[in-house]
Amino acid sequence: MIRDSGGGTYTRGLDLSGTLEGAGGIGGLLARTLSGASYYYHADGNGNVTYTWRTPAKT
């Protein structure tokens, strides 16, 4: 997980090169969590984000 200056965290996996940073761009971005809500990213076979979805914060 990587923390950003806004208090959120990013969860990453392997990118298209099979490493954590080799392909550049958003690479293996899997999710972002901010203020208790999680945002998940789906990418196609070329690494383009094609869909995002959000799970609400737990109250």
N, C-alpha and C. Protein backbone atom coordinates (compact mmCIF):
# COMPACT_ATOMS: atom_id res chain seq x y z
N MET A 1 0.83 -1.17 0.00
CA MET A 1 0.00 0.00 0.00
C MET A 1 0.88 1.24 0.00
N ILE A 2 0.41 2.25 -0.68
CA ILE A 2 1.11 3.52 -0.75
C ILE A 2 0.16 4.60 -0.24
N ARG A 3 0.61 5.41 0.68
CA ARG A 3 -0.21 6.52 1.20
C ARG A 3 0.02 7.77 0.37
N ASP A 4 -1.05 8.53 0.12
CA ASP A 4 -0.88 9.80 -0.59
C ASP A 4 -1.05 10.95 0.40
N SER A 5 -0.76 12.17 -0.05
CA SER A 5 -0.81 13.33 0.84
C SER A 5 -2.22 13.69 1.27
N GLY A 6 -3.23 13.17 0.57
CA GLY A 6 -4.62 13.46 0.91
C GLY A 6 -5.21 12.50 1.92
N GLY A 7 -4.40 11.59 2.46
CA GLY A 7 -4.88 10.66 3.47
C GLY A 7 -5.40 9.35 2.92
N GLY A 8 -5.37 9.17 1.62
CA GLY A 8 -5.84 7.92 1.01
C GLY A 8 -4.70 6.93 0.86
N THR A 9 -5.04 5.71 0.49
CA THR A 9 -4.04 4.69 0.21
C THR A 9 -4.32 4.06 -1.15
N TYR A 10 -3.27 3.63 -1.81
CA TYR A 10 -3.37 2.93 -3.09
C TYR A 10 -2.88 1.50 -2.89
N THR A 11 -3.59 0.54 -3.47
CA THR A 11 -3.16 -0.85 -3.45
C THR A 11 -2.76 -1.22 -4.87
N ARG A 12 -1.56 -1.76 -5.00
CA ARG A 12 -1.03 -2.10 -6.33
C ARG A 12 -0.66 -3.56 -6.40
N GLY A 13 -0.72 -4.09 -7.62
CA GLY A 13 -0.26 -5.44 -7.90
C GLY A 13 0.74 -5.37 -9.04
N LEU A 14 0.96 -6.47 -9.72
CA LEU A 14 1.90 -6.49 -10.84
C LEU A 14 1.30 -5.79 -12.05
N ASP A 15 2.15 -5.08 -12.81
CA ASP A 15 1.68 -4.41 -14.02
C ASP A 15 1.84 -5.34 -15.22
N LEU A 16 1.67 -4.83 -16.42
CA LEU A 16 1.72 -5.66 -17.63
C LEU A 16 3.10 -6.26 -17.88
N SER A 17 4.15 -5.65 -17.29
CA SER A 17 5.49 -6.20 -17.47
C SER A 17 5.78 -7.33 -16.49
N GLY A 18 4.85 -7.56 -15.54
CA GLY A 18 5.04 -8.58 -14.53
C GLY A 18 5.82 -8.10 -13.32
N THR A 19 6.06 -6.78 -13.25
CA THR A 19 6.76 -6.18 -12.12
C THR A 19 5.86 -5.13 -11.48
N LEU A 20 6.35 -4.50 -10.42
CA LEU A 20 5.55 -3.48 -9.76
C LEU A 20 5.61 -2.12 -10.44
N GLU A 21 6.66 -1.83 -11.23
CA GLU A 21 6.79 -0.50 -11.83
C GLU A 21 7.30 -0.48 -13.26
N GLY A 22 7.49 -1.61 -13.89
CA GLY A 22 8.14 -1.65 -15.19
C GLY A 22 7.37 -1.04 -16.35
N ALA A 23 6.04 -1.08 -16.32
CA ALA A 23 5.25 -0.63 -17.46
C ALA A 23 4.93 0.86 -17.42
N GLY A 24 5.09 1.52 -16.28
CA GLY A 24 4.76 2.94 -16.17
C GLY A 24 3.26 3.17 -16.08
N GLY A 25 2.86 4.42 -16.14
CA GLY A 25 1.43 4.77 -16.05
C GLY A 25 0.85 4.37 -14.70
N ILE A 26 -0.41 3.94 -14.70
CA ILE A 26 -1.01 3.52 -13.44
C ILE A 26 -0.55 2.12 -13.07
N GLY A 27 0.11 1.44 -14.01
CA GLY A 27 0.69 0.13 -13.71
C GLY A 27 -0.33 -0.84 -13.16
N GLY A 28 -0.02 -1.46 -12.06
CA GLY A 28 -0.88 -2.48 -11.47
C GLY A 28 -1.83 -1.93 -10.42
N LEU A 29 -2.35 -0.71 -10.63
CA LEU A 29 -3.28 -0.13 -9.67
C LEU A 29 -4.51 -1.01 -9.52
N LEU A 30 -4.79 -1.41 -8.29
CA LEU A 30 -5.95 -2.25 -8.02
C LEU A 30 -7.07 -1.49 -7.33
N ALA A 31 -6.71 -0.62 -6.37
CA ALA A 31 -7.75 0.06 -5.59
C ALA A 31 -7.19 1.31 -4.94
N ARG A 32 -8.09 2.20 -4.56
CA ARG A 32 -7.77 3.38 -3.77
C ARG A 32 -8.79 3.45 -2.65
N THR A 33 -8.32 3.74 -1.45
CA THR A 33 -9.21 3.91 -0.31
C THR A 33 -9.05 5.32 0.20
N LEU A 34 -10.17 6.00 0.40
CA LEU A 34 -10.17 7.38 0.87
C LEU A 34 -11.39 7.59 1.74
N SER A 35 -11.19 8.08 2.93
CA SER A 35 -12.28 8.35 3.88
C SER A 35 -13.17 7.13 4.09
N GLY A 36 -12.57 5.96 4.11
CA GLY A 36 -13.32 4.73 4.38
C GLY A 36 -13.99 4.10 3.18
N ALA A 37 -14.09 4.81 2.07
CA ALA A 37 -14.68 4.24 0.85
C ALA A 37 -13.56 3.68 -0.01
N SER A 38 -13.82 2.57 -0.70
CA SER A 38 -12.82 1.97 -1.58
C SER A 38 -13.28 2.08 -3.03
N TYR A 39 -12.33 2.38 -3.88
CA TYR A 39 -12.56 2.50 -5.31
C TYR A 39 -11.70 1.45 -6.00
N TYR A 40 -12.33 0.57 -6.78
CA TYR A 40 -11.62 -0.52 -7.44
C TYR A 40 -11.57 -0.26 -8.93
N TYR A 41 -10.48 -0.70 -9.56
CA TYR A 41 -10.25 -0.44 -10.98
C TYR A 41 -10.14 -1.76 -11.74
N HIS A 42 -10.79 -1.82 -12.89
CA HIS A 42 -10.69 -2.97 -13.78
C HIS A 42 -10.00 -2.49 -15.05
N ALA A 43 -9.02 -3.25 -15.52
CA ALA A 43 -8.29 -2.87 -16.73
C ALA A 43 -8.43 -3.96 -17.79
N ASP A 44 -8.37 -3.54 -19.06
CA ASP A 44 -8.40 -4.52 -20.15
C ASP A 44 -7.00 -5.12 -20.34
N GLY A 45 -6.83 -5.94 -21.31
CA GLY A 45 -5.55 -6.61 -21.55
C GLY A 45 -4.42 -5.70 -21.97
N ASN A 46 -4.76 -4.44 -22.32
CA ASN A 46 -3.74 -3.46 -22.70
C ASN A 46 -3.40 -2.52 -21.56
N GLY A 47 -4.00 -2.70 -20.39
CA GLY A 47 -3.71 -1.85 -19.24
C GLY A 47 -4.57 -0.61 -19.14
N ASN A 48 -5.58 -0.48 -20.00
CA ASN A 48 -6.48 0.67 -19.95
C ASN A 48 -7.57 0.43 -18.90
N VAL A 49 -7.80 1.41 -18.04
CA VAL A 49 -8.89 1.29 -17.07
C VAL A 49 -10.20 1.35 -17.84
N THR A 50 -11.02 0.31 -17.70
CA THR A 50 -12.27 0.24 -18.44
C THR A 50 -13.49 0.34 -17.54
N TYR A 51 -13.28 0.18 -16.23
CA TYR A 51 -14.41 0.20 -15.31
C TYR A 51 -13.91 0.51 -13.91
N THR A 52 -14.65 1.31 -13.19
CA THR A 52 -14.36 1.56 -11.78
C THR A 52 -15.63 1.35 -10.98
N TRP A 53 -15.46 0.92 -9.76
CA TRP A 53 -16.62 0.83 -8.89
C TRP A 53 -16.21 1.19 -7.47
N ARG A 54 -17.19 1.62 -6.70
CA ARG A 54 -16.95 2.15 -5.37
C ARG A 54 -17.76 1.35 -4.36
N THR A 55 -17.12 1.08 -3.23
CA THR A 55 -17.85 0.51 -2.10
C THR A 55 -17.93 1.60 -1.05
N PRO A 56 -19.09 1.84 -0.49
CA PRO A 56 -19.25 2.95 0.45
C PRO A 56 -18.49 2.72 1.76
N ALA A 57 -18.22 3.81 2.44
CA ALA A 57 -17.58 3.73 3.74
C ALA A 57 -18.52 3.07 4.75
N LYS A 58 -17.96 2.31 5.65
CA LYS A 58 -18.76 1.69 6.70
C LYS A 58 -19.13 2.75 7.73
N THR A 59 -20.37 2.74 8.16
CA THR A 59 -20.78 3.74 9.14
C THR A 59 -20.95 3.13 10.50
